[in-house]
Amino acid sequence: MGPRGGGGGFGFGFLHVIGSLIGMALFLALLALLAGLVFKVAVKKGWVRKPRHHGHGPHGHRPEPGGPSPQHPHEALRILDERLARSEIEIDDYKARRDALTGNSFPPFHQPPQPPVEPPAMTDEGAPHVPPAP
């Protein structure tokens, strides 16, 4: 007999293995739950995009509830025309939105480069040269 009794059988050692496996399974389940919660918060805050599921809707994804429904450009132009007809938007706003939809304009912060403006000619004294009036 050994110092702890028993003759080399399983004893309490087997129960320790079972307890360790159950503890590890609970820890992994808790970790997966925490990761899912973090991912859900990140999607809600807009930090990450929700993965697309294939097989839903005409383009392979399910539209977001409450979000804009996928439309063709001609449908968006029709809605824009209707909003102008109902006087919901001004003509300048209509033109800007129409150009943005058709691709005929630049985004507000990406305007095309302007040609450089030439500085006025300077005299020898450093003052701008003003041509004499006729």
C-alpha atoms as a PDB file:
ATOM      1  CA  MET A   1       0.000   0.000   0.000  1.00  0.00           C
ATOM      2  CA  GLY A   2       1.103   3.515  -0.781  1.00  0.00           C
ATOM      3  CA  PRO A   3       1.252   6.416   1.612  1.00  0.00           C
ATOM      4  CA  ARG A   4      -2.243   7.575   0.648  1.00  0.00           C
ATOM      5  CA  GLY A   5      -3.866   4.241   0.747  1.00  0.00           C
ATOM      6  CA  GLY A   6      -5.317   2.274  -2.088  1.00  0.00           C
ATOM      7  CA  GLY A   7      -3.539  -0.144  -4.279  1.00  0.00           C
ATOM      8  CA  GLY A   8      -2.935   1.936  -7.395  1.00  0.00           C
ATOM      9  CA  GLY A   9      -6.614   2.224  -8.393  1.00  0.00           C
ATOM     10  CA  PHE A  10      -8.384   5.288  -9.767  1.00  0.00           C
ATOM     11  CA  GLY A  11      -9.540   6.708  -6.450  1.00  0.00           C
ATOM     12  CA  PHE A  12     -10.111  10.480  -6.410  1.00  0.00           C
ATOM     13  CA  GLY A  13      -7.717  11.126  -9.312  1.00  0.00           C
ATOM     14  CA  PHE A  14     -10.421  10.244 -11.823  1.00  0.00           C
ATOM     15  CA  LEU A  15     -12.819  12.760 -10.233  1.00  0.00           C
ATOM     16  CA  HIS A  16     -10.149  15.466 -10.500  1.00  0.00           C
ATOM     17  CA  VAL A  17      -9.870  14.835 -14.253  1.00  0.00           C
ATOM     18  CA  ILE A  18     -13.663  15.055 -14.681  1.00  0.00           C
ATOM     19  CA  GLY A  19     -13.793  18.236 -12.597  1.00  0.00           C
ATOM     20  CA  SER A  20     -10.981  19.794 -14.653  1.00  0.00           C
ATOM     21  CA  LEU A  21     -12.765  18.994 -17.930  1.00  0.00           C
ATOM     22  CA  ILE A  22     -16.052  20.467 -16.677  1.00  0.00           C
ATOM     23  CA  GLY A  23     -14.243  23.574 -15.426  1.00  0.00           C
ATOM     24  CA  MET A  24     -12.452  23.992 -18.760  1.00  0.00           C
ATOM     25  CA  ALA A  25     -15.738  23.601 -20.684  1.00  0.00           C
ATOM     26  CA  LEU A  26     -17.415  26.225 -18.507  1.00  0.00           C
ATOM     27  CA  PHE A  27     -14.469  28.589 -18.970  1.00  0.00           C
ATOM     28  CA  LEU A  28     -14.562  28.193 -22.781  1.00  0.00           C
ATOM     29  CA  ALA A  29     -18.343  28.746 -22.819  1.00  0.00           C
ATOM     30  CA  LEU A  30     -17.923  31.907 -20.762  1.00  0.00           C
ATOM     31  CA  LEU A  31     -15.149  33.090 -23.084  1.00  0.00           C
ATOM     32  CA  ALA A  32     -17.319  32.461 -26.188  1.00  0.00           C
ATOM     33  CA  LEU A  33     -20.229  34.307 -24.575  1.00  0.00           C
ATOM     34  CA  LEU A  34     -17.998  37.278 -23.783  1.00  0.00           C
ATOM     35  CA  ALA A  35     -16.585  37.345 -27.337  1.00  0.00           C
ATOM     36  CA  GLY A  36     -20.113  37.275 -28.780  1.00  0.00           C
ATOM     37  CA  LEU A  37     -21.174  40.135 -26.538  1.00  0.00           C
ATOM     38  CA  VAL A  38     -18.146  42.231 -27.533  1.00  0.00           C
ATOM     39  CA  PHE A  39     -18.835  41.537 -31.228  1.00  0.00           C
ATOM     40  CA  LYS A  40     -22.488  42.523 -30.862  1.00  0.00           C
ATOM     41  CA  VAL A  41     -21.535  45.821 -29.200  1.00  0.00           C
ATOM     42  CA  ALA A  42     -18.912  46.486 -31.895  1.00  0.00           C
ATOM     43  CA  VAL A  43     -21.483  45.940 -34.672  1.00  0.00           C
ATOM     44  CA  LYS A  44     -23.987  48.185 -32.915  1.00  0.00           C
ATOM     45  CA  LYS A  45     -21.406  50.960 -32.495  1.00  0.00           C
ATOM     46  CA  GLY A  46     -20.343  50.600 -36.142  1.00  0.00           C
ATOM     47  CA  TRP A  47     -16.771  49.557 -35.386  1.00  0.00           C
ATOM     48  CA  VAL A  48     -17.119  46.412 -37.507  1.00  0.00           C
ATOM     49  CA  ARG A  49     -19.488  45.401 -40.284  1.00  0.00           C
ATOM     50  CA  LYS A  50     -21.898  42.563 -39.835  1.00  0.00           C
ATOM     51  CA  PRO A  51     -20.875  39.554 -41.930  1.00  0.00           C
ATOM     52  CA  ARG A  52     -23.046  38.912 -44.966  1.00  0.00           C
ATOM     53  CA  HIS A  53     -25.093  35.746 -45.169  1.00  0.00           C
ATOM     54  CA  HIS A  54     -25.426  34.293 -48.644  1.00  0.00           C
ATOM     55  CA  GLY A  55     -28.799  33.269 -49.974  1.00  0.00           C
ATOM     56  CA  HIS A  56     -30.911  36.105 -48.512  1.00  0.00           C
ATOM     57  CA  GLY A  57     -32.498  38.677 -50.780  1.00  0.00           C
ATOM     58  CA  PRO A  58     -31.730  39.526 -54.404  1.00  0.00           C
ATOM     59  CA  HIS A  59     -28.050  40.323 -53.847  1.00  0.00           C
ATOM     60  CA  GLY A  60     -27.175  37.608 -51.337  1.00  0.00           C
ATOM     61  CA  HIS A  61     -27.721  39.626 -48.164  1.00  0.00           C
ATOM     62  CA  ARG A  62     -30.567  40.432 -45.852  1.00  0.00           C
ATOM     63  CA  PRO A  63     -31.444  44.150 -45.645  1.00  0.00           C
ATOM     64  CA  GLU A  64     -30.973  45.784 -42.255  1.00  0.00           C
ATOM     65  CA  PRO A  65     -34.264  46.416 -40.434  1.00  0.00           C
ATOM     66  CA  GLY A  66     -35.045  50.123 -40.494  1.00  0.00           C
ATOM     67  CA  GLY A  67     -32.193  50.789 -42.905  1.00  0.00           C
ATOM     68  CA  PRO A  68     -32.395  51.849 -46.520  1.00  0.00           C
ATOM     69  CA  SER A  69     -33.618  49.161 -48.853  1.00  0.00           C
ATOM     70  CA  PRO A  70     -31.381  48.331 -51.790  1.00  0.00           C
ATOM     71  CA  GLN A  71     -32.559  50.292 -54.825  1.00  0.00           C
ATOM     72  CA  HIS A  72     -31.455  50.793 -58.376  1.00  0.00           C
ATOM     73  CA  PRO A  73     -30.140  54.250 -59.358  1.00  0.00           C
ATOM     74  CA  HIS A  74     -33.210  54.969 -61.514  1.00  0.00           C
ATOM     75  CA  GLU A  75     -35.428  54.294 -58.491  1.00  0.00           C
ATOM     76  CA  ALA A  76     -33.415  56.772 -56.414  1.00  0.00           C
ATOM     77  CA  LEU A  77     -33.678  59.372 -59.189  1.00  0.00           C
ATOM     78  CA  ARG A  78     -37.449  58.845 -59.352  1.00  0.00           C
ATOM     79  CA  ILE A  79     -37.728  59.438 -55.593  1.00  0.00           C
ATOM     80  CA  LEU A  80     -35.538  62.528 -55.925  1.00  0.00           C
ATOM     81  CA  ASP A  81     -37.803  63.871 -58.702  1.00  0.00           C
ATOM     82  CA  GLU A  82     -40.861  63.270 -56.519  1.00  0.00           C
ATOM     83  CA  ARG A  83     -39.284  65.109 -53.581  1.00  0.00           C
ATOM     84  CA  LEU A  84     -38.571  68.106 -55.820  1.00  0.00           C
ATOM     85  CA  ALA A  85     -42.139  68.014 -57.165  1.00  0.00           C
ATOM     86  CA  ARG A  86     -43.504  68.049 -53.580  1.00  0.00           C
ATOM     87  CA  SER A  87     -41.182  70.991 -52.764  1.00  0.00           C
ATOM     88  CA  GLU A  88     -39.417  68.978 -50.068  1.00  0.00           C
ATOM     89  CA  ILE A  89     -35.995  70.008 -51.412  1.00  0.00           C
ATOM     90  CA  GLU A  90     -34.628  73.101 -53.158  1.00  0.00           C
ATOM     91  CA  ILE A  91     -33.421  73.074 -56.768  1.00  0.00           C
ATOM     92  CA  ASP A  92     -29.756  73.473 -55.771  1.00  0.00           C
ATOM     93  CA  ASP A  93     -30.063  70.525 -53.390  1.00  0.00           C
ATOM     94  CA  TYR A  94     -31.849  68.537 -56.107  1.00  0.00           C
ATOM     95  CA  LYS A  95     -29.061  69.216 -58.626  1.00  0.00           C
ATOM     96  CA  ALA A  96     -26.340  68.294 -56.146  1.00  0.00           C
ATOM     97  CA  ARG A  97     -28.058  65.030 -55.187  1.00  0.00           C
ATOM     98  CA  ARG A  98     -28.831  64.138 -58.804  1.00  0.00           C
ATOM     99  CA  ASP A  99     -25.208  64.741 -59.786  1.00  0.00           C
ATOM    100  CA  ALA A 100     -24.046  62.616 -56.851  1.00  0.00           C
ATOM    101  CA  LEU A 101     -26.350  59.759 -57.908  1.00  0.00           C
ATOM    102  CA  THR A 102     -25.355  59.891 -61.568  1.00  0.00           C
ATOM    103  CA  GLY A 103     -21.643  60.410 -60.858  1.00  0.00           C
ATOM    104  CA  ASN A 104     -21.462  63.816 -62.580  1.00  0.00           C
ATOM    105  CA  SER A 105     -19.992  65.640 -59.603  1.00  0.00           C
ATOM    106  CA  PHE A 106     -17.233  65.419 -57.062  1.00  0.00           C
ATOM    107  CA  PRO A 107     -17.811  64.842 -53.331  1.00  0.00           C
ATOM    108  CA  PRO A 108     -17.618  68.056 -51.279  1.00  0.00           C
ATOM    109  CA  PHE A 109     -14.056  67.505 -50.088  1.00  0.00           C
ATOM    110  CA  HIS A 110     -12.761  66.094 -53.375  1.00  0.00           C
ATOM    111  CA  GLN A 111     -13.276  69.003 -55.743  1.00  0.00           C
ATOM    112  CA  PRO A 112     -11.236  69.041 -58.974  1.00  0.00           C
ATOM    113  CA  PRO A 113      -8.046  71.087 -58.789  1.00  0.00           C
ATOM    114  CA  GLN A 114      -8.406  74.747 -59.744  1.00  0.00           C
ATOM    115  CA  PRO A 115      -5.871  76.420 -62.073  1.00  0.00           C
ATOM    116  CA  PRO A 116      -3.339  78.501 -60.174  1.00  0.00           C
ATOM    117  CA  VAL A 117      -4.031  82.214 -59.936  1.00  0.00           C
ATOM    118  CA  GLU A 118      -1.111  84.364 -61.037  1.00  0.00           C
ATOM    119  CA  PRO A 119       0.005  86.888 -58.428  1.00  0.00           C
ATOM    120  CA  PRO A 120      -0.034  90.554 -59.491  1.00  0.00           C
ATOM    121  CA  ALA A 121       3.178  91.855 -61.010  1.00  0.00           C
ATOM    122  CA  MET A 122       5.420  93.692 -58.524  1.00  0.00           C
ATOM    123  CA  THR A 123       7.339  96.901 -59.079  1.00  0.00           C
ATOM    124  CA  ASP A 124      10.927  97.389 -58.000  1.00  0.00           C
ATOM    125  CA  GLU A 125       9.763  98.896 -54.704  1.00  0.00           C
ATOM    126  CA  GLY A 126       7.744  95.761 -53.831  1.00  0.00           C
ATOM    127  CA  ALA A 127       4.278  97.292 -54.367  1.00  0.00           C
ATOM    128  CA  PRO A 128       1.863  95.709 -56.845  1.00  0.00           C
ATOM    129  CA  HIS A 129       1.984  97.236 -60.315  1.00  0.00           C
ATOM    130  CA  VAL A 130      -1.270  98.982 -61.224  1.00  0.00           C
ATOM    131  CA  PRO A 131      -1.644  99.645 -64.941  1.00  0.00           C
ATOM    132  CA  PRO A 132      -2.576 103.250 -65.773  1.00  0.00           C
ATOM    133  CA  ALA A 133      -6.201 103.913 -66.608  1.00  0.00           C
ATOM    134  CA  PRO A 134      -6.832 104.755 -70.283  1.00  0.00           C
END
